[in-house]
């Protein structure tokens, strides 16, 4: 997904900044990281308050194998399939991700 596609996907949230990181991209809104693009997949930030909503929507949490060989879970979740082509629904999920970023900063 190129940067223009990402700006379009997040347009309901407002202006975003895109920075390269981890071999992927970080997506920032109001200076806070809100999402990542890892191996071409958009992942939205969640926390203990919002993660159950992502899980209930059928999203999967980003995990990776650590250097010690254990699975590590990151606070990022896949976008619900129904939100990828529905800007209004995507805006709802993007706001949840941004709110998780705001809570993490506090």
PDB file of N, CA and C in Angstrom:
ATOM      1  N   UNK A   1       0.856  -1.167   0.000  1.00  0.00           N
ATOM      2  CA  UNK A   1       0.000   0.000   0.000  1.00  0.00           C
ATOM      3  C   UNK A   1       0.906   1.235   0.000  1.00  0.00           C
ATOM      4  N   UNK A   2       0.701   2.104  -0.977  1.00  0.00           N
ATOM      5  CA  UNK A   2       1.554   3.293  -1.038  1.00  0.00           C
ATOM      6  C   UNK A   2       1.006   4.402  -0.127  1.00  0.00           C
ATOM      7  N   UNK A   3       1.773   5.456   0.024  1.00  0.00           N
ATOM      8  CA  UNK A   3       1.410   6.524   0.953  1.00  0.00           C
ATOM      9  C   UNK A   3       0.090   7.196   0.591  1.00  0.00           C
ATOM     10  N   UNK A   4      -0.183   7.372  -0.688  1.00  0.00           N
ATOM     11  CA  UNK A   4      -1.455   7.981  -1.095  1.00  0.00           C
ATOM     12  C   UNK A   4      -2.632   7.091  -0.701  1.00  0.00           C
ATOM     13  N   UNK A   5      -2.472   5.773  -0.849  1.00  0.00           N
ATOM     14  CA  UNK A   5      -3.526   4.843  -0.433  1.00  0.00           C
ATOM     15  C   UNK A   5      -3.759   4.938   1.075  1.00  0.00           C
ATOM     16  N   UNK A   6      -2.685   5.064   1.833  1.00  0.00           N
ATOM     17  CA  UNK A   6      -2.806   5.182   3.287  1.00  0.00           C
ATOM     18  C   UNK A   6      -3.506   6.484   3.670  1.00  0.00           C
ATOM     19  N   UNK A   7      -3.152   7.570   3.018  1.00  0.00           N
ATOM     20  CA  UNK A   7      -3.819   8.848   3.307  1.00  0.00           C
ATOM     21  C   UNK A   7      -5.311   8.749   3.006  1.00  0.00           C
ATOM     22  N   UNK A   8      -5.645   8.067   1.918  1.00  0.00           N
ATOM     23  CA  UNK A   8      -7.051   7.872   1.571  1.00  0.00           C
ATOM     24  C   UNK A   8      -7.754   6.998   2.608  1.00  0.00           C
ATOM     25  N   UNK A   9      -7.096   5.927   3.023  1.00  0.00           N
ATOM     26  CA  UNK A   9      -7.686   5.009   3.998  1.00  0.00           C
ATOM     27  C   UNK A   9      -7.964   5.711   5.326  1.00  0.00           C
ATOM     28  N   UNK A  10      -7.070   6.606   5.738  1.00  0.00           N
ATOM     29  CA  UNK A  10      -7.200   7.294   7.024  1.00  0.00           C
ATOM     30  C   UNK A  10      -7.805   8.692   6.899  1.00  0.00           C
ATOM     31  N   UNK A  11      -8.372   9.030   5.760  1.00  0.00           N
ATOM     32  CA  UNK A  11      -8.837  10.404   5.540  1.00  0.00           C
ATOM     33  C   UNK A  11      -9.888  10.849   6.541  1.00  0.00           C
ATOM     34  N   UNK A  12     -10.708   9.945   7.037  1.00  0.00           N
ATOM     35  CA  UNK A  12     -11.732  10.312   8.011  1.00  0.00           C
ATOM     36  C   UNK A  12     -11.160  10.682   9.366  1.00  0.00           C
ATOM     37  N   UNK A  13      -9.958  10.231   9.647  1.00  0.00           N
ATOM     38  CA  UNK A  13      -9.302  10.550  10.915  1.00  0.00           C
ATOM     39  C   UNK A  13      -8.718  11.950  10.873  1.00  0.00           C
ATOM     40  N   UNK A  14      -8.286  12.360   9.711  1.00  0.00           N
ATOM     41  CA  UNK A  14      -7.642  13.657   9.549  1.00  0.00           C
ATOM     42  C   UNK A  14      -6.246  13.466   8.989  1.00  0.00           C
ATOM     43  N   UNK A  15      -5.437  14.516   8.995  1.00  0.00           N
ATOM     44  CA  UNK A  15      -4.104  14.424   8.410  1.00  0.00           C
ATOM     45  C   UNK A  15      -3.232  13.402   9.145  1.00  0.00           C
ATOM     46  N   UNK A  16      -2.487  12.648   8.369  1.00  0.00           N
ATOM     47  CA  UNK A  16      -1.551  11.683   8.947  1.00  0.00           C
ATOM     48  C   UNK A  16      -0.152  11.971   8.422  1.00  0.00           C
ATOM     49  N   UNK A  17       0.825  11.509   9.191  1.00  0.00           N
ATOM     50  CA  UNK A  17       2.215  11.547   8.777  1.00  0.00           C
ATOM     51  C   UNK A  17       2.683  10.110   8.668  1.00  0.00           C
ATOM     52  N   UNK A  18       3.439   9.807   7.641  1.00  0.00           N
ATOM     53  CA  UNK A  18       3.908   8.438   7.409  1.00  0.00           C
ATOM     54  C   UNK A  18       5.426   8.443   7.480  1.00  0.00           C
ATOM     55  N   UNK A  19       5.967   7.554   8.323  1.00  0.00           N
ATOM     56  CA  UNK A  19       7.422   7.448   8.479  1.00  0.00           C
ATOM     57  C   UNK A  19       7.838   5.995   8.316  1.00  0.00           C
ATOM     58  N   UNK A  20       8.960   5.792   7.679  1.00  0.00           N
ATOM     59  CA  UNK A  20       9.505   4.443   7.541  1.00  0.00           C
ATOM     60  C   UNK A  20      10.010   3.950   8.887  1.00  0.00           C
ATOM     61  N   UNK A  21       9.711   2.677   9.203  1.00  0.00           N
ATOM     62  CA  UNK A  21      10.201   2.073  10.433  1.00  0.00           C
ATOM     63  C   UNK A  21      10.041   0.563  10.393  1.00  0.00           C
ATOM     64  N   UNK A  22      10.905  -0.165  11.071  1.00  0.00           N
ATOM     65  CA  UNK A  22      10.824  -1.625  11.177  1.00  0.00           C
ATOM     66  C   UNK A  22      10.695  -2.315   9.831  1.00  0.00           C
ATOM     67  N   UNK A  23      11.237  -1.738   8.789  1.00  0.00           N
ATOM     68  CA  UNK A  23      11.066  -2.316   7.464  1.00  0.00           C
ATOM     69  C   UNK A  23       9.674  -2.084   6.915  1.00  0.00           C
ATOM     70  N   UNK A  24       8.865  -1.302   7.614  1.00  0.00           N
ATOM     71  CA  UNK A  24       7.512  -0.983   7.184  1.00  0.00           C
ATOM     72  C   UNK A  24       7.285   0.512   7.308  1.00  0.00           C
ATOM     73  N   UNK A  25       6.113   0.873   7.817  1.00  0.00           N
ATOM     74  CA  UNK A  25       5.768   2.281   7.967  1.00  0.00           C
ATOM     75  C   UNK A  25       5.027   2.502   9.273  1.00  0.00           C
ATOM     76  N   UNK A  26       5.257   3.655   9.873  1.00  0.00           N
ATOM     77  CA  UNK A  26       4.483   4.103  11.015  1.00  0.00           C
ATOM     78  C   UNK A  26       3.532   5.181  10.554  1.00  0.00           C
ATOM     79  N   UNK A  27       2.300   5.123  11.013  1.00  0.00           N
ATOM     80  CA  UNK A  27       1.282   6.110  10.644  1.00  0.00           C
ATOM     81  C   UNK A  27       0.949   6.902  11.901  1.00  0.00           C
ATOM     82  N   UNK A  28       1.150   8.212  11.816  1.00  0.00           N
ATOM     83  CA  UNK A  28       0.977   9.103  12.959  1.00  0.00           C
ATOM     84  C   UNK A  28      -0.171  10.071  12.699  1.00  0.00           C
ATOM     85  N   UNK A  29      -0.905  10.376  13.759  1.00  0.00           N
ATOM     86  CA  UNK A  29      -1.947  11.402  13.716  1.00  0.00           C
ATOM     87  C   UNK A  29      -1.722  12.285  14.939  1.00  0.00           C
ATOM     88  N   UNK A  30      -1.649  13.577  14.734  1.00  0.00           N
ATOM     89  CA  UNK A  30      -1.364  14.531  15.814  1.00  0.00           C
ATOM     90  C   UNK A  30      -0.104  14.148  16.586  1.00  0.00           C
ATOM     91  N   UNK A  31       0.891  13.630  15.875  1.00  0.00           N
ATOM     92  CA  UNK A  31       2.168  13.295  16.484  1.00  0.00           C
ATOM     93  C   UNK A  31       2.219  11.979  17.226  1.00  0.00           C
ATOM     94  N   UNK A  32       1.122  11.238  17.258  1.00  0.00           N
ATOM     95  CA  UNK A  32       1.066   9.958  17.967  1.00  0.00           C
ATOM     96  C   UNK A  32       0.953   8.805  16.984  1.00  0.00           C
ATOM     97  N   UNK A  33       1.735   7.757  17.222  1.00  0.00           N
ATOM     98  CA  UNK A  33       1.657   6.598  16.338  1.00  0.00           C
ATOM     99  C   UNK A  33       0.311   5.914  16.547  1.00  0.00           C
ATOM    100  N   UNK A  34      -0.378   5.705  15.435  1.00  0.00           N
ATOM    101  CA  UNK A  34      -1.735   5.181  15.465  1.00  0.00           C
ATOM    102  C   UNK A  34      -1.838   3.843  14.753  1.00  0.00           C
ATOM    103  N   UNK A  35      -0.943   3.619  13.813  1.00  0.00           N
ATOM    104  CA  UNK A  35      -0.990   2.384  13.029  1.00  0.00           C
ATOM    105  C   UNK A  35       0.388   2.087  12.461  1.00  0.00           C
ATOM    106  N   UNK A  36       0.545   0.864  12.020  1.00  0.00           N
ATOM    107  CA  UNK A  36       1.764   0.422  11.347  1.00  0.00           C
ATOM    108  C   UNK A  36       1.381  -0.258  10.044  1.00  0.00           C
ATOM    109  N   UNK A  37       2.317  -0.294   9.129  1.00  0.00           N
ATOM    110  CA  UNK A  37       2.205  -1.162   7.960  1.00  0.00           C
ATOM    111  C   UNK A  37       3.381  -2.120   8.061  1.00  0.00           C
ATOM    112  N   UNK A  38       3.080  -3.398   8.227  1.00  0.00           N
ATOM    113  CA  UNK A  38       4.092  -4.439   8.376  1.00  0.00           C
ATOM    114  C   UNK A  38       3.828  -5.494   7.317  1.00  0.00           C
ATOM    115  N   UNK A  39       4.804  -5.742   6.486  1.00  0.00           N
ATOM    116  CA  UNK A  39       4.691  -6.717   5.399  1.00  0.00           C
ATOM    117  C   UNK A  39       3.418  -6.475   4.575  1.00  0.00           C
ATOM    118  N   UNK A  40       3.135  -5.197   4.321  1.00  0.00           N
ATOM    119  CA  UNK A  40       2.006  -4.810   3.492  1.00  0.00           C
ATOM    120  C   UNK A  40       0.657  -4.796   4.191  1.00  0.00           C
ATOM    121  N   UNK A  41       0.609  -5.161   5.471  1.00  0.00           N
ATOM    122  CA  UNK A  41      -0.656  -5.197   6.207  1.00  0.00           C
ATOM    123  C   UNK A  41      -0.755  -3.996   7.138  1.00  0.00           C
ATOM    124  N   UNK A  42      -1.916  -3.331   7.137  1.00  0.00           N
ATOM    125  CA  UNK A  42      -2.173  -2.216   8.038  1.00  0.00           C
ATOM    126  C   UNK A  42      -2.601  -2.785   9.384  1.00  0.00           C
ATOM    127  N   UNK A  43      -1.951  -2.309  10.437  1.00  0.00           N
ATOM    128  CA  UNK A  43      -2.238  -2.745  11.794  1.00  0.00           C
ATOM    129  C   UNK A  43      -2.562  -1.520  12.641  1.00  0.00           C
ATOM    130  N   UNK A  44      -3.652  -1.577  13.390  1.00  0.00           N
ATOM    131  CA  UNK A  44      -4.097  -0.456  14.211  1.00  0.00           C
ATOM    132  C   UNK A  44      -3.720  -0.653  15.668  1.00  0.00           C
ATOM    133  N   UNK A  45      -3.320   0.413  16.329  1.00  0.00           N
ATOM    134  CA  UNK A  45      -2.934   0.352  17.737  1.00  0.00           C
ATOM    135  C   UNK A  45      -4.169   0.067  18.600  1.00  0.00           C
ATOM    136  N   UNK A  46      -3.970  -0.756  19.606  1.00  0.00           N
ATOM    137  CA  UNK A  46      -5.030  -1.051  20.569  1.00  0.00           C
ATOM    138  C   UNK A  46      -4.402  -1.142  21.952  1.00  0.00           C
ATOM    139  N   UNK A  47      -5.245  -1.143  22.961  1.00  0.00           N
ATOM    140  CA  UNK A  47      -4.783  -1.301  24.336  1.00  0.00           C
ATOM    141  C   UNK A  47      -5.767  -2.208  25.061  1.00  0.00           C
ATOM    142  N   UNK A  48      -5.615  -2.341  26.361  1.00  0.00           N
ATOM    143  CA  UNK A  48      -6.497  -3.262  27.091  1.00  0.00           C
ATOM    144  C   UNK A  48      -7.957  -2.846  27.000  1.00  0.00           C
ATOM    145  N   UNK A  49      -8.197  -1.590  26.775  1.00  0.00           N
ATOM    146  CA  UNK A  49      -9.578  -1.105  26.659  1.00  0.00           C
ATOM    147  C   UNK A  49     -10.183  -1.424  25.292  1.00  0.00           C
ATOM    148  N   UNK A  50      -9.397  -1.280  24.232  1.00  0.00           N
ATOM    149  CA  UNK A  50      -9.957  -1.455  22.885  1.00  0.00           C
ATOM    150  C   UNK A  50      -9.662  -2.814  22.255  1.00  0.00           C
ATOM    151  N   UNK A  51      -8.655  -3.535  22.739  1.00  0.00           N
ATOM    152  CA  UNK A  51      -8.306  -4.827  22.140  1.00  0.00           C
ATOM    153  C   UNK A  51      -9.485  -5.808  22.103  1.00  0.00           C
ATOM    154  N   UNK A  52     -10.327  -5.865  23.155  1.00  0.00           N
ATOM    155  CA  UNK A  52     -11.472  -6.782  23.066  1.00  0.00           C
ATOM    156  C   UNK A  52     -12.417  -6.467  21.898  1.00  0.00           C
ATOM    157  N   UNK A  53     -12.521  -5.195  21.540  1.00  0.00           N
ATOM    158  CA  UNK A  53     -13.360  -4.811  20.396  1.00  0.00           C
ATOM    159  C   UNK A  53     -12.742  -5.311  19.091  1.00  0.00           C
ATOM    160  N   UNK A  54     -11.430  -5.190  18.976  1.00  0.00           N
ATOM    161  CA  UNK A  54     -10.750  -5.694  17.783  1.00  0.00           C
ATOM    162  C   UNK A  54     -10.914  -7.207  17.690  1.00  0.00           C
ATOM    163  N   UNK A  55     -10.731  -7.883  18.810  1.00  0.00           N
ATOM    164  CA  UNK A  55     -10.866  -9.341  18.820  1.00  0.00           C
ATOM    165  C   UNK A  55     -12.282  -9.767  18.449  1.00  0.00           C
ATOM    166  N   UNK A  56     -13.290  -9.076  18.997  1.00  0.00           N
ATOM    167  CA  UNK A  56     -14.687  -9.396  18.697  1.00  0.00           C
ATOM    168  C   UNK A  56     -15.012  -9.179  17.218  1.00  0.00           C
ATOM    169  N   UNK A  57     -14.278  -8.263  16.570  1.00  0.00           N
ATOM    170  CA  UNK A  57     -14.501  -7.983  15.146  1.00  0.00           C
ATOM    171  C   UNK A  57     -13.740  -8.951  14.248  1.00  0.00           C
ATOM    172  N   UNK A  58     -13.056  -9.931  14.861  1.00  0.00           N
ATOM    173  CA  UNK A  58     -12.342 -10.933  14.070  1.00  0.00           C
ATOM    174  C   UNK A  58     -10.946 -10.526  13.664  1.00  0.00           C
ATOM    175  N   UNK A  59     -10.424  -9.470  14.261  1.00  0.00           N
ATOM    176  CA  UNK A  59      -9.074  -9.006  13.954  1.00  0.00           C
ATOM    177  C   UNK A  59      -8.058  -9.900  14.654  1.00  0.00           C
ATOM    178  N   UNK A  60      -6.834  -9.876  14.146  1.00  0.00           N
ATOM    179  CA  UNK A  60      -5.767 -10.651  14.769  1.00  0.00           C
ATOM    180  C   UNK A  60      -4.679  -9.719  15.274  1.00  0.00           C
ATOM    181  N   UNK A  61      -4.109 -10.092  16.409  1.00  0.00           N
ATOM    182  CA  UNK A  61      -3.049  -9.293  17.006  1.00  0.00           C
ATOM    183  C   UNK A  61      -1.723  -9.628  16.338  1.00  0.00           C
ATOM    184  N   UNK A  62      -0.898  -8.599  16.164  1.00  0.00           N
ATOM    185  CA  UNK A  62       0.421  -8.792  15.571  1.00  0.00           C
ATOM    186  C   UNK A  62       1.323  -9.490  16.578  1.00  0.00           C
ATOM    187  N   UNK A  63       1.872 -10.611  16.170  1.00  0.00           N
ATOM    188  CA  UNK A  63       2.834 -11.342  16.987  1.00  0.00           C
ATOM    189  C   UNK A  63       4.061 -11.634  16.134  1.00  0.00           C
ATOM    190  N   UNK A  64       5.161 -11.854  16.799  1.00  0.00           N
ATOM    191  CA  UNK A  64       6.377 -12.229  16.094  1.00  0.00           C
ATOM    192  C   UNK A  64       7.209 -13.107  17.018  1.00  0.00           C
ATOM    193  N   UNK A  65       8.127 -13.831  16.456  1.00  0.00           N
ATOM    194  CA  UNK A  65       9.011 -14.676  17.251  1.00  0.00           C
ATOM    195  C   UNK A  65      10.214 -13.846  17.695  1.00  0.00           C
ATOM    196  N   UNK A  66      10.415 -13.780  19.002  1.00  0.00           N
ATOM    197  CA  UNK A  66      11.531 -12.997  19.541  1.00  0.00           C
ATOM    198  C   UNK A  66      12.843 -13.751  19.351  1.00  0.00           C
ATOM    199  N   UNK A  67      13.925 -13.074  19.652  1.00  0.00           N
ATOM    200  CA  UNK A  67      15.241 -13.696  19.520  1.00  0.00           C
ATOM    201  C   UNK A  67      15.376 -14.944  20.384  1.00  0.00           C
ATOM    202  N   UNK A  68      14.647 -14.975  21.493  1.00  0.00           N
ATOM    203  CA  UNK A  68      14.713 -16.138  22.389  1.00  0.00           C
ATOM    204  C   UNK A  68      13.842 -17.294  21.892  1.00  0.00           C
ATOM    205  N   UNK A  69      13.121 -17.063  20.807  1.00  0.00           N
ATOM    206  CA  UNK A  69      12.275 -18.101  20.243  1.00  0.00           C
ATOM    207  C   UNK A  69      10.848 -18.090  20.769  1.00  0.00           C
ATOM    208  N   UNK A  70      10.542 -17.166  21.676  1.00  0.00           N
ATOM    209  CA  UNK A  70       9.184 -17.062  22.219  1.00  0.00           C
ATOM    210  C   UNK A  70       8.359 -16.115  21.355  1.00  0.00           C
ATOM    211  N   UNK A  71       7.056 -16.348  21.342  1.00  0.00           N
ATOM    212  CA  UNK A  71       6.161 -15.460  20.614  1.00  0.00           C
ATOM    213  C   UNK A  71       5.924 -14.199  21.443  1.00  0.00           C
ATOM    214  N   UNK A  72       6.058 -13.062  20.806  1.00  0.00           N
ATOM    215  CA  UNK A  72       5.827 -11.769  21.448  1.00  0.00           C
ATOM    216  C   UNK A  72       4.626 -11.105  20.789  1.00  0.00           C
ATOM    217  N   UNK A  73       3.738 -10.575  21.597  1.00  0.00           N
ATOM    218  CA  UNK A  73       2.545  -9.893  21.092  1.00  0.00           C
ATOM    219  C   UNK A  73       2.739  -8.391  21.178  1.00  0.00           C
ATOM    220  N   UNK A  74       2.398  -7.701  20.112  1.00  0.00           N
ATOM    221  CA  UNK A  74       2.509  -6.251  20.056  1.00  0.00           C
ATOM    222  C   UNK A  74       1.102  -5.650  20.139  1.00  0.00           C
ATOM    223  N   UNK A  75       0.990  -4.385  20.540  1.00  0.00           N
ATOM    224  CA  UNK A  75      -0.331  -3.776  20.712  1.00  0.00           C
ATOM    225  C   UNK A  75      -0.936  -3.258  19.403  1.00  0.00           C
ATOM    226  N   UNK A  76      -0.827  -4.050  18.363  1.00  0.00           N
ATOM    227  CA  UNK A  76      -1.368  -3.669  17.060  1.00  0.00           C
ATOM    228  C   UNK A  76      -2.204  -4.817  16.522  1.00  0.00           C
ATOM    229  N   UNK A  77      -3.330  -4.468  15.922  1.00  0.00           N
ATOM    230  CA  UNK A  77      -4.295  -5.454  15.438  1.00  0.00           C
ATOM    231  C   UNK A  77      -4.635  -5.188  13.978  1.00  0.00           C
ATOM    232  N   UNK A  78      -4.999  -6.240  13.280  1.00  0.00           N
ATOM    233  CA  UNK A  78      -5.415  -6.096  11.886  1.00  0.00           C
ATOM    234  C   UNK A  78      -6.695  -5.261  11.803  1.00  0.00           C
ATOM    235  N   UNK A  79      -6.927  -4.707  10.639  1.00  0.00           N
ATOM    236  CA  UNK A  79      -8.133  -3.923  10.379  1.00  0.00           C
ATOM    237  C   UNK A  79      -9.271  -4.893  10.055  1.00  0.00           C
ATOM    238  N   UNK A  80     -10.467  -4.661  10.609  1.00  0.00           N
ATOM    239  CA  UNK A  80     -11.586  -5.532  10.234  1.00  0.00           C
ATOM    240  C   UNK A  80     -11.781  -5.516   8.717  1.00  0.00           C
ATOM    241  N   UNK A  81     -12.022  -6.677   8.143  1.00  0.00           N
ATOM    242  CA  UNK A  81     -12.191  -6.781   6.689  1.00  0.00           C
ATOM    243  C   UNK A  81     -13.229  -5.801   6.166  1.00  0.00           C
ATOM    244  N   UNK A  82     -14.311  -5.628   6.905  1.00  0.00           N
ATOM    245  CA  UNK A  82     -15.395  -4.762   6.444  1.00  0.00           C
ATOM    246  C   UNK A  82     -15.000  -3.287   6.423  1.00  0.00           C
ATOM    247  N   UNK A  83     -13.936  -2.916   7.124  1.00  0.00           N
ATOM    248  CA  UNK A  83     -13.541  -1.503   7.175  1.00  0.00           C
ATOM    249  C   UNK A  83     -12.615  -1.106   6.036  1.00  0.00           C
ATOM    250  N   UNK A  84     -11.972  -2.058   5.397  1.00  0.00           N
ATOM    251  CA  UNK A  84     -11.016  -1.730   4.344  1.00  0.00           C
ATOM    252  C   UNK A  84     -11.679  -0.981   3.191  1.00  0.00           C
ATOM    253  N   UNK A  85     -12.893  -1.345   2.832  1.00  0.00           N
ATOM    254  CA  UNK A  85     -13.585  -0.714   1.701  1.00  0.00           C
ATOM    255  C   UNK A  85     -14.706   0.222   2.136  1.00  0.00           C
ATOM    256  N   UNK A  86     -14.810   0.499   3.424  1.00  0.00           N
ATOM    257  CA  UNK A  86     -15.876   1.362   3.940  1.00  0.00           C
ATOM    258  C   UNK A  86     -15.230   2.472   4.764  1.00  0.00           C
ATOM    259  N   UNK A  87     -15.121   3.664   4.165  1.00  0.00           N
ATOM    260  CA  UNK A  87     -14.400   4.766   4.822  1.00  0.00           C
ATOM    261  C   UNK A  87     -15.026   5.167   6.157  1.00  0.00           C
ATOM    262  N   UNK A  88     -16.344   5.106   6.262  1.00  0.00           N
ATOM    263  CA  UNK A  88     -16.979   5.480   7.528  1.00  0.00           C
ATOM    264  C   UNK A  88     -16.609   4.494   8.624  1.00  0.00           C
ATOM    265  N   UNK A  89     -16.635   3.207   8.308  1.00  0.00           N
ATOM    266  CA  UNK A  89     -16.264   2.203   9.304  1.00  0.00           C
ATOM    267  C   UNK A  89     -14.769   2.292   9.623  1.00  0.00           C
ATOM    268  N   UNK A  90     -13.952   2.525   8.612  1.00  0.00           N
ATOM    269  CA  UNK A  90     -12.518   2.652   8.846  1.00  0.00           C
ATOM    270  C   UNK A  90     -12.233   3.826   9.770  1.00  0.00           C
ATOM    271  N   UNK A  91     -12.976   4.904   9.628  1.00  0.00           N
ATOM    272  CA  UNK A  91     -12.793   6.065  10.491  1.00  0.00           C
ATOM    273  C   UNK A  91     -13.069   5.696  11.945  1.00  0.00           C
ATOM    274  N   UNK A  92     -14.087   4.894  12.189  1.00  0.00           N
ATOM    275  CA  UNK A  92     -14.405   4.449  13.557  1.00  0.00           C
ATOM    276  C   UNK A  92     -13.220   3.683  14.148  1.00  0.00           C
ATOM    277  N   UNK A  93     -12.662   2.744  13.382  1.00  0.00           N
ATOM    278  CA  UNK A  93     -11.542   1.934  13.870  1.00  0.00           C
ATOM    279  C   UNK A  93     -10.273   2.758  14.000  1.00  0.00           C
ATOM    280  N   UNK A  94     -10.042   3.671  13.078  1.00  0.00           N
ATOM    281  CA  UNK A  94      -8.865   4.537  13.160  1.00  0.00           C
ATOM    282  C   UNK A  94      -8.946   5.427  14.398  1.00  0.00           C
ATOM    283  N   UNK A  95     -10.143   5.890  14.735  1.00  0.00           N
ATOM    284  CA  UNK A  95     -10.310   6.700  15.941  1.00  0.00           C
ATOM    285  C   UNK A  95     -10.027   5.879  17.193  1.00  0.00           C
ATOM    286  N   UNK A  96     -10.469   4.618  17.195  1.00  0.00           N
ATOM    287  CA  UNK A  96     -10.164   3.737  18.328  1.00  0.00           C
ATOM    288  C   UNK A  96      -8.653   3.599  18.493  1.00  0.00           C
ATOM    289  N   UNK A  97      -7.946   3.462  17.378  1.00  0.00           N
ATOM    290  CA  UNK A  97      -6.487   3.329  17.422  1.00  0.00           C
ATOM    291  C   UNK A  97      -5.848   4.618  17.940  1.00  0.00           C
ATOM    292  N   UNK A  98      -6.321   5.747  17.467  1.00  0.00           N
ATOM    293  CA  UNK A  98      -5.777   7.024  17.927  1.00  0.00           C
ATOM    294  C   UNK A  98      -6.049   7.216  19.425  1.00  0.00           C
ATOM    295  N   UNK A  99      -7.264   6.880  19.872  1.00  0.00           N
ATOM    296  CA  UNK A  99      -7.597   7.012  21.288  1.00  0.00           C
ATOM    297  C   UNK A  99      -6.695   6.120  22.143  1.00  0.00           C
ATOM    298  N   UNK A 100      -6.346   4.929  21.658  1.00  0.00           N
ATOM    299  CA  UNK A 100      -5.416   4.063  22.387  1.00  0.00           C
ATOM    300  C   UNK A 100      -4.042   4.740  22.484  1.00  0.00           C
ATOM    301  N   UNK A 101      -3.638   5.435  21.437  1.00  0.00           N
ATOM    302  CA  UNK A 101      -2.358   6.160  21.448  1.00  0.00           C
ATOM    303  C   UNK A 101      -2.396   7.300  22.469  1.00  0.00           C
ATOM    304  N   UNK A 102      -3.507   7.983  22.532  1.00  0.00           N
ATOM    305  CA  UNK A 102      -3.659   9.087  23.497  1.00  0.00           C
ATOM    306  C   UNK A 102      -3.583   8.525  24.922  1.00  0.00           C
ATOM    307  N   UNK A 103      -4.278   7.413  25.171  1.00  0.00           N
ATOM    308  CA  UNK A 103      -4.239   6.827  26.511  1.00  0.00           C
ATOM    309  C   UNK A 103      -2.828   6.354  26.855  1.00  0.00           C
ATOM    310  N   UNK A 104      -2.113   5.798  25.877  1.00  0.00           N
ATOM    311  CA  UNK A 104      -0.749   5.314  26.129  1.00  0.00           C
ATOM    312  C   UNK A 104       0.180   6.464  26.490  1.00  0.00           C
ATOM    313  N   UNK A 105      -0.040   7.618  25.894  1.00  0.00           N
ATOM    314  CA  UNK A 105       0.806   8.773  26.176  1.00  0.00           C
ATOM    315  C   UNK A 105       0.561   9.297  27.587  1.00  0.00           C
ATOM    316  N   UNK A 106      -0.695   9.204  28.023  1.00  0.00           N
ATOM    317  CA  UNK A 106      -1.054   9.698  29.371  1.00  0.00           C
ATOM    318  C   UNK A 106      -0.488   8.785  30.386  1.00  0.00           C
TER     319      UNK A 106
END
